[in-house]
Amino acid sequence: MNVYDYIVDNAILTNLEGKTKREVVAELLADMKEAGRLAPVYYTHLRAHETVLDIVFRLLLATKNHHQQHTTH
């Protein structure tokens, strides 16, 4: 899942005015980009905001990937 899909799936939106969540989020991101409020961030910045669940999921995924690499070779 990419960041855009994550935002759409987790957006708490009300008063969509007949638009889909995807359309509303796309408009919001476009407005933020035009206003200069949407900028790339460093990976370490994102990691600084991880929750405990994010860390557990990342570690489980890394363990799964490591296990799959060793069983396929």
Protein backbone atom coordinates (compact mmCIF):
# COMPACT_ATOMS: atom_id res chain seq x y z
CA MET A 1 0.00 0.00 0.00
CA ASN A 2 1.39 3.39 -0.90
CA VAL A 3 1.06 6.53 1.19
CA TYR A 4 -1.78 7.91 -0.93
CA ASP A 5 -3.88 4.76 -0.48
CA TYR A 6 -3.09 4.75 3.24
CA ILE A 7 -4.33 8.33 3.58
CA VAL A 8 -7.51 7.56 1.65
CA ASP A 9 -8.22 4.40 3.64
CA ASN A 10 -7.61 6.09 7.00
CA ALA A 11 -9.04 9.54 6.32
CA ILE A 12 -11.83 10.57 8.63
CA LEU A 13 -13.86 12.70 6.29
CA THR A 14 -17.28 14.20 6.75
CA ASN A 15 -19.39 16.25 4.36
CA LEU A 16 -17.94 14.78 1.18
CA GLU A 17 -20.44 16.76 -0.91
CA GLY A 18 -21.00 13.86 -3.31
CA LYS A 19 -17.29 13.21 -3.85
CA THR A 20 -15.44 10.01 -3.09
CA LYS A 21 -12.86 9.95 -0.32
CA ARG A 22 -10.20 9.48 -3.01
CA GLU A 23 -11.30 12.67 -4.81
CA VAL A 24 -11.37 14.70 -1.59
CA VAL A 25 -7.89 13.52 -0.53
CA ALA A 26 -6.50 14.16 -4.04
CA GLU A 27 -7.84 17.73 -3.93
CA LEU A 28 -6.44 18.25 -0.44
CA LEU A 29 -2.99 17.01 -1.46
CA ALA A 30 -3.05 19.16 -4.62
CA ASP A 31 -3.97 22.23 -2.54
CA MET A 32 -1.19 21.49 -0.07
CA LYS A 33 1.33 21.07 -2.90
CA GLU A 34 0.28 24.38 -4.51
CA ALA A 35 0.60 26.16 -1.16
CA GLY A 36 4.09 24.75 -0.68
CA ARG A 37 3.00 22.79 2.38
CA LEU A 38 3.75 19.38 0.88
CA ALA A 39 7.44 18.63 0.87
CA PRO A 40 9.57 15.50 0.99
CA VAL A 41 10.87 14.44 4.37
CA TYR A 42 13.83 12.35 5.41
CA TYR A 43 13.33 8.70 6.28
CA THR A 44 14.73 9.38 9.75
CA HIS A 45 12.05 12.04 10.26
CA LEU A 46 9.35 9.49 9.46
CA ARG A 47 10.93 6.95 11.79
CA ALA A 48 10.89 9.53 14.59
CA HIS A 49 7.09 9.57 14.40
CA GLU A 50 6.58 5.80 14.39
CA THR A 51 4.17 4.35 16.89
CA VAL A 52 4.84 1.13 18.78
CA LEU A 53 2.54 -0.70 16.35
CA ASP A 54 4.49 0.68 13.37
CA ILE A 55 7.74 -0.59 14.86
CA VAL A 56 6.31 -4.04 15.63
CA PHE A 57 4.86 -4.33 12.11
CA ARG A 58 8.15 -3.22 10.52
CA LEU A 59 10.15 -5.71 12.57
CA LEU A 60 7.74 -8.56 11.83
CA LEU A 61 7.90 -7.76 8.13
CA ALA A 62 11.70 -7.65 8.20
CA THR A 63 11.80 -11.01 10.00
CA LYS A 64 9.39 -12.53 7.47
CA ASN A 65 11.44 -11.20 4.53
CA HIS A 66 14.68 -12.45 6.09
CA HIS A 67 13.15 -15.90 6.65
CA GLN A 68 11.84 -16.08 3.07
CA GLN A 69 15.25 -15.16 1.63
CA HIS A 70 16.97 -17.95 3.53
CA THR A 71 14.38 -20.62 2.67
CA THR A 72 14.36 -19.89 -1.06
CA HIS A 73 18.15 -20.15 -1.51
